[in-house]
Amino acid sequence: MTKTDDPRRTELRHTDGSTSPLLMVGADQRDSDRPAVLVLPGIAVGARYYLPLARALAAEGVDVAITELRGQGESTHRIGRGGAAAGYHESAAEDVPLALDAMQRELGTRSVVLLGHSMGAQIGVYHLARHDHRVVGLVAVAAQSPFHRGYPRRVGRRLRLGAILLPTIGWLAGHVPGQFFGASGRIPAERISDWSRLAARGDMQPARADLDYRAGLARVTVPALSVVIAEDPLAPESAARGLLAMLPAARTSLEVEPEALGHNTWARKPAEVVTRVLAWMDREVALSPSRDDDEGADA
C-alpha cells in the first residue's frame, strides 16, 4: 500500500444495500512487530476526522484503517422510518467484520487492534464478544460506559432522563439529532435505543442480537487500554472504568492524559495519545514475526 496525501478508499457494502467508506493509511515503513489498527469513530463523527491520528500512527510503522459507521459521515445508510436497523449489534456483527475483511484483502493476514473513540469504543467492546481471532486488542480513547452510575450524580440524572427521552424522540422521528450529543447530523434511532439501555441499566445486550453478548464479554481475554483525557466531562475516569468492567477476564489498563486535549479534538492533535497507544501496544500486543500466521481463536 503506497502512502499518499489522500487515504486509499474502499467501499464497504452492507446487507441493506448501503455503502460506507473504509479509509486506509499505509505505514511509512511497516513495523512487523506491531499489529494494524482499525479506528472506530465516535457518535456522529465522520471517518475523515481521524486522518491526523491515522497518519501519526503510520509514521510509526503502523498500518491504519478508519471505518465509517453506518449513518455517519459519508455512509449512504438511510436513517429514519423505512431504513434498515443500525444499532450496536449491526455495527459489531457486520460493520466491523466488513472493515476487517477489507483490511485483510489489502494487507494480507494481519492481527488488528481496534481503536475506538467514545461510542466507537463501546462498539469495539461488543465486537470483542464475538471472539474474532483477527482482533488482538482494544484501545478506548475518550470512551466510557454511559451507565448513569459511573458519573457524578448531577450528570447521572441527566443520563437517566436522556435514556427515557431520546429513544422516544427516535421512535417518533426515526432518528435523534446529533446536537443532543454535541455533534451534527442525525443518529439512527436503533443506536440510541441501545445506548439508552446502557445508560439506564448498564444492560450489555443490544437489540436484535444473535448471541449472548454478556456471556461473550465475560470470556474475552485480549488486552484493553483506556486513555482518559483530562477535563473531559463526557468520559470521566469513573465512566471509563465502567467500560473496562465489561471485560472482567481481560488484561485491562487505564491511563490519564493530563493535557486537556478535548473529547473529540484529541484526534486532530494526537501525538500524546499515539505515544501512549504505541507504548501499550509494544508492551501488551507486540507480535513475533510468525504470530500473524499462527493467530488462533480467542480463548
Protein backbone atom coordinates (compact mmCIF):
# COMPACT_ATOMS: atom_id res chain seq x y z
CA MET A 1 0.00 0.00 0.00
CA THR A 2 1.54 3.31 -1.11
CA LYS A 3 1.46 6.28 1.19
CA THR A 4 -0.16 9.32 -0.39
CA ASP A 5 -1.60 12.57 0.91
CA ASP A 6 -5.07 11.12 0.44
CA PRO A 7 -6.04 7.82 2.07
CA ARG A 8 -6.81 4.81 -0.03
CA ARG A 9 -10.58 4.36 -0.12
CA THR A 10 -12.53 1.11 -0.23
CA GLU A 11 -16.31 0.98 -0.34
CA LEU A 12 -17.91 -1.42 2.12
CA ARG A 13 -21.33 -2.73 1.05
CA HIS A 14 -23.80 -3.62 3.79
CA THR A 15 -26.65 -6.10 3.66
CA ASP A 16 -29.15 -3.23 3.46
CA GLY A 17 -27.53 -2.08 0.21
CA SER A 18 -25.88 0.99 1.72
CA THR A 19 -22.17 1.70 1.45
CA SER A 20 -19.60 3.12 3.82
CA PRO A 21 -16.02 4.12 3.01
CA LEU A 22 -13.02 2.50 4.63
CA LEU A 23 -10.06 4.88 4.60
CA MET A 24 -6.64 3.24 4.66
CA VAL A 25 -3.34 4.92 5.53
CA GLY A 26 -0.29 2.76 4.96
CA ALA A 27 2.74 2.82 7.24
CA ASP A 28 5.73 4.85 6.08
CA GLN A 29 7.84 1.81 6.90
CA ARG A 30 5.88 -1.09 8.36
CA ASP A 31 6.93 -2.36 11.78
CA SER A 32 6.28 -6.10 11.58
CA ASP A 33 6.20 -6.35 15.38
CA ARG A 34 3.08 -4.20 15.57
CA PRO A 35 -0.48 -5.08 14.52
CA ALA A 36 -2.55 -2.94 12.22
CA VAL A 37 -5.16 -0.59 13.71
CA LEU A 38 -8.84 -0.18 12.83
CA VAL A 39 -10.30 3.13 14.04
CA LEU A 40 -13.97 3.16 15.09
CA PRO A 41 -15.35 6.74 15.15
CA GLY A 42 -17.34 8.36 17.91
CA ILE A 43 -21.01 9.18 17.64
CA ALA A 44 -21.87 11.38 14.63
CA VAL A 45 -18.17 11.86 13.77
CA GLY A 46 -17.07 11.18 10.21
CA ALA A 47 -14.13 8.90 9.39
CA ARG A 48 -12.04 11.65 7.80
CA TYR A 49 -11.86 13.45 11.14
CA TYR A 50 -9.37 10.81 12.30
CA LEU A 51 -6.86 11.17 9.45
CA PRO A 52 -4.32 13.06 11.62
CA LEU A 53 -4.43 10.15 14.08
CA ALA A 54 -4.02 7.61 11.29
CA ARG A 55 -1.08 9.48 9.77
CA ALA A 56 0.64 9.81 13.15
CA LEU A 57 0.38 6.04 13.70
CA ALA A 58 1.50 5.33 10.12
CA ALA A 59 4.62 7.43 10.71
CA GLU A 60 5.49 4.95 13.48
CA GLY A 61 5.17 1.87 11.27
CA VAL A 62 1.50 1.01 11.87
CA ASP A 63 -0.95 0.38 9.03
CA VAL A 64 -4.26 2.07 9.84
CA ALA A 65 -7.82 1.87 8.52
CA ILE A 66 -10.71 4.12 9.56
CA THR A 67 -14.21 2.81 9.05
CA GLU A 68 -17.35 4.90 8.67
CA LEU A 69 -20.14 3.76 10.95
CA ARG A 70 -23.47 3.32 9.21
CA GLY A 71 -25.47 6.53 9.23
CA GLN A 72 -22.45 8.77 9.82
CA GLY A 73 -20.16 10.82 7.63
CA GLU A 74 -20.19 9.57 4.02
CA SER A 75 -22.27 6.48 4.75
CA THR A 76 -25.25 6.11 2.40
CA HIS A 77 -27.32 4.33 5.04
CA ARG A 78 -30.90 5.59 5.07
CA ILE A 79 -31.70 6.96 8.50
CA GLY A 80 -35.33 7.10 9.55
CA ARG A 81 -38.51 5.22 9.01
CA GLY A 82 -38.20 2.54 6.34
CA GLY A 83 -34.43 2.26 6.73
CA ALA A 84 -32.65 -0.84 7.97
CA ALA A 85 -31.58 -1.13 11.60
CA ALA A 86 -28.23 0.40 12.56
CA GLY A 87 -27.71 -0.36 16.23
CA TYR A 88 -24.80 -1.67 18.27
CA HIS A 89 -25.38 -5.25 17.14
CA GLU A 90 -25.37 -4.37 13.44
CA SER A 91 -22.10 -2.47 13.86
CA ALA A 92 -20.44 -5.16 15.98
CA ALA A 93 -21.67 -8.12 13.94
CA GLU A 94 -21.49 -6.71 10.40
CA ASP A 95 -19.79 -3.34 10.06
CA VAL A 96 -16.60 -4.18 11.96
CA PRO A 97 -16.15 -7.57 10.24
CA LEU A 98 -16.66 -5.94 6.83
CA ALA A 99 -13.88 -3.48 7.62
CA LEU A 100 -11.60 -6.25 8.89
CA ASP A 101 -12.26 -8.29 5.75
CA ALA A 102 -11.25 -5.33 3.59
CA MET A 103 -8.10 -4.82 5.64
CA GLN A 104 -7.17 -8.48 5.14
CA ARG A 105 -7.61 -8.14 1.37
CA GLU A 106 -5.41 -5.06 1.35
CA LEU A 107 -2.76 -6.05 3.88
CA GLY A 108 -2.85 -9.84 3.87
CA THR A 109 -3.44 -11.86 7.03
CA ARG A 110 -2.82 -9.41 9.85
CA SER A 111 -3.64 -9.08 13.52
CA VAL A 112 -5.58 -5.92 14.31
CA VAL A 113 -6.12 -3.67 17.32
CA LEU A 114 -9.45 -1.85 17.45
CA LEU A 115 -9.08 1.80 18.42
CA GLY A 116 -12.45 3.21 19.38
CA HIS A 117 -13.39 6.76 20.27
CA SER A 118 -16.31 7.29 22.66
CA MET A 119 -19.27 5.28 21.28
CA GLY A 120 -16.90 3.67 18.77
CA ALA A 121 -15.11 2.06 21.69
CA GLN A 122 -18.41 0.72 23.00
CA ILE A 123 -19.00 -0.91 19.61
CA GLY A 124 -15.43 -2.24 19.74
CA VAL A 125 -16.14 -3.86 23.10
CA TYR A 126 -19.25 -5.51 21.70
CA HIS A 127 -17.25 -6.86 18.77
CA LEU A 128 -14.82 -8.46 21.22
CA ALA A 129 -17.75 -10.53 22.49
CA ARG A 130 -17.82 -12.21 19.07
CA HIS A 131 -14.28 -13.54 19.60
CA ASP A 132 -12.90 -12.57 16.22
CA HIS A 133 -9.46 -14.21 16.02
CA ARG A 134 -8.11 -11.28 13.97
CA VAL A 135 -8.57 -8.81 16.84
CA VAL A 136 -5.76 -8.91 19.40
CA GLY A 137 -6.57 -5.85 21.49
CA LEU A 138 -8.73 -2.79 22.07
CA VAL A 139 -7.82 0.83 22.73
CA ALA A 140 -10.60 3.10 24.02
CA VAL A 141 -9.86 6.84 23.87
CA ALA A 142 -12.13 9.41 25.49
CA ALA A 143 -14.52 6.49 25.89
CA GLN A 144 -16.98 5.37 28.51
CA SER A 145 -19.87 3.26 29.57
CA PRO A 146 -22.82 5.65 29.58
CA PHE A 147 -24.30 3.85 32.62
CA HIS A 148 -25.51 6.70 34.79
CA ARG A 149 -23.96 5.37 38.00
CA GLY A 150 -20.49 5.89 36.55
CA TYR A 151 -20.94 9.67 36.53
CA PRO A 152 -21.27 12.41 39.15
CA ARG A 153 -24.84 12.49 40.46
CA ARG A 154 -25.94 15.58 38.52
CA VAL A 155 -24.68 14.20 35.19
CA GLY A 156 -26.05 10.77 36.06
CA ARG A 157 -29.54 12.19 36.50
CA ARG A 158 -29.31 13.79 33.05
CA LEU A 159 -28.23 10.49 31.54
CA ARG A 160 -31.18 8.69 33.13
CA LEU A 161 -33.53 11.31 31.75
CA GLY A 162 -31.90 11.12 28.34
CA ALA A 163 -32.26 7.35 28.38
CA ILE A 164 -36.03 7.90 28.57
CA LEU A 165 -36.48 10.89 26.28
CA LEU A 166 -34.06 10.17 23.43
CA PRO A 167 -35.46 6.75 22.43
CA THR A 168 -38.91 8.34 22.39
CA ILE A 169 -37.66 11.05 20.05
CA GLY A 170 -36.01 8.38 17.92
CA TRP A 171 -39.24 6.37 17.74
CA LEU A 172 -41.26 9.40 16.70
CA ALA A 173 -38.78 10.89 14.23
CA GLY A 174 -36.86 7.82 13.12
CA HIS A 175 -33.62 9.44 14.29
CA VAL A 176 -32.15 11.60 17.04
CA PRO A 177 -30.48 14.94 16.21
CA GLY A 178 -26.75 14.83 16.85
CA GLN A 179 -26.98 18.11 18.78
CA PHE A 180 -28.08 16.14 21.83
CA PHE A 181 -24.53 14.75 21.89
CA GLY A 182 -22.76 17.93 20.87
CA ALA A 183 -22.46 16.75 17.27
CA SER A 184 -24.05 17.45 13.92
CA GLY A 185 -26.13 15.26 11.65
CA ARG A 186 -28.63 12.59 12.63
CA ILE A 187 -28.15 9.45 14.72
CA PRO A 188 -30.01 6.21 13.89
CA ALA A 189 -32.82 5.56 16.36
CA GLU A 190 -31.67 1.97 16.94
CA ARG A 191 -28.21 3.11 18.02
CA ILE A 192 -29.78 5.47 20.53
CA SER A 193 -32.07 2.72 21.86
CA ASP A 194 -29.06 0.51 22.54
CA TRP A 195 -27.22 3.45 24.13
CA SER A 196 -30.23 4.09 26.38
CA ARG A 197 -30.15 0.50 27.72
CA LEU A 198 -26.56 1.04 28.76
CA ALA A 199 -27.26 4.48 30.22
CA ALA A 200 -30.31 3.43 32.22
CA ARG A 201 -29.46 -0.11 33.36
CA GLY A 202 -25.95 -0.96 32.22
CA ASP A 203 -27.60 -3.62 30.05
CA MET A 204 -24.97 -5.03 27.68
CA GLN A 205 -27.38 -6.96 25.45
CA PRO A 206 -28.29 -4.91 22.35
CA ALA A 207 -31.49 -5.40 20.38
CA ARG A 208 -31.69 -7.97 17.55
CA ALA A 209 -28.62 -9.79 18.91
CA ASP A 210 -27.74 -13.23 17.57
CA LEU A 211 -25.73 -14.21 20.65
CA ASP A 212 -25.49 -13.54 24.37
CA TYR A 213 -23.13 -10.57 24.39
CA ARG A 214 -22.82 -10.57 28.16
CA ALA A 215 -21.59 -14.17 28.15
CA GLY A 216 -19.26 -13.43 25.26
CA LEU A 217 -17.76 -10.41 27.01
CA ALA A 218 -17.15 -12.47 30.15
CA ARG A 219 -14.80 -14.71 28.14
CA VAL A 220 -12.75 -12.01 26.41
CA THR A 221 -9.05 -12.24 27.30
CA VAL A 222 -7.38 -9.92 24.79
CA PRO A 223 -5.84 -6.81 26.40
CA ALA A 224 -7.60 -3.46 26.52
CA LEU A 225 -6.36 0.06 27.20
CA SER A 226 -8.47 3.07 28.14
CA VAL A 227 -6.97 6.54 27.67
CA VAL A 228 -8.87 9.16 29.66
CA ILE A 229 -8.49 12.78 28.53
CA ALA A 230 -8.19 15.26 31.39
CA GLU A 231 -11.19 17.55 31.97
CA ASP A 232 -13.42 15.51 29.67
CA PRO A 233 -16.89 15.61 31.27
CA LEU A 234 -18.29 13.24 28.64
CA ALA A 235 -15.88 10.44 29.53
CA PRO A 236 -14.56 10.85 33.08
CA GLU A 237 -12.31 8.23 34.62
CA SER A 238 -15.19 6.63 36.53
CA ALA A 239 -17.15 6.06 33.31
CA ALA A 240 -14.04 4.83 31.51
CA ARG A 241 -13.57 2.23 34.23
CA GLY A 242 -17.18 1.22 33.68
CA LEU A 243 -16.35 0.40 30.06
CA LEU A 244 -13.37 -1.72 31.07
CA ALA A 245 -15.54 -3.50 33.63
CA MET A 246 -17.44 -5.03 30.69
CA LEU A 247 -14.32 -7.16 30.17
CA PRO A 248 -13.87 -8.88 33.55
CA ALA A 249 -11.43 -11.56 32.31
CA ALA A 250 -9.28 -9.29 30.12
CA ARG A 251 -5.99 -7.61 30.94
CA THR A 252 -7.07 -4.00 31.21
CA SER A 253 -5.12 -0.78 31.72
CA LEU A 254 -6.24 2.80 32.27
CA GLU A 255 -4.08 5.86 31.68
CA VAL A 256 -4.97 9.50 32.20
CA GLU A 257 -3.63 12.00 29.68
CA PRO A 258 -3.08 15.12 31.83
CA GLU A 259 -3.40 17.61 28.97
CA ALA A 260 -6.97 18.71 28.30
CA LEU A 261 -6.99 17.71 24.64
CA GLY A 262 -10.79 17.71 24.29
CA HIS A 263 -13.30 14.88 23.94
CA ASN A 264 -13.08 15.00 20.14
CA THR A 265 -10.18 17.30 19.31
CA TRP A 266 -7.50 14.95 20.68
CA ALA A 267 -7.82 13.14 17.33
CA ARG A 268 -6.69 16.28 15.47
CA LYS A 269 -3.58 16.68 17.64
CA PRO A 270 -2.95 13.05 18.55
CA ALA A 271 0.76 12.99 19.46
CA GLU A 272 0.27 12.34 23.18
CA VAL A 273 -2.34 9.65 22.63
CA VAL A 274 -0.27 7.96 19.90
CA THR A 275 2.71 7.77 22.25
CA ARG A 276 0.57 6.01 24.86
CA VAL A 277 -1.01 3.65 22.32
CA LEU A 278 2.34 2.59 20.87
CA ALA A 279 3.89 2.01 24.30
CA TRP A 280 0.91 -0.13 25.35
CA MET A 281 0.93 -1.98 22.05
CA ASP A 282 4.63 -2.82 22.38
CA ARG A 283 4.10 -3.95 25.95
CA GLU A 284 0.86 -5.92 25.59
CA VAL A 285 0.31 -6.97 21.97
CA ALA A 286 3.65 -6.73 20.17
CA LEU A 287 3.83 -9.53 17.61
CA SER A 288 6.51 -12.09 16.97
CA PRO A 289 7.37 -12.39 13.25
CA SER A 290 5.21 -15.51 12.93
CA ARG A 291 2.28 -14.53 15.13
CA ASP A 292 0.09 -13.20 12.33
CA ASP A 293 0.43 -16.54 10.57
CA ASP A 294 -0.28 -18.56 13.69
CA GLU A 295 -3.07 -16.44 15.23
CA GLY A 296 -5.79 -18.68 16.61
CA ALA A 297 -9.20 -18.16 18.12
CA ASP A 298 -9.54 -16.16 21.30
CA ALA A 299 -9.57 -18.34 24.37
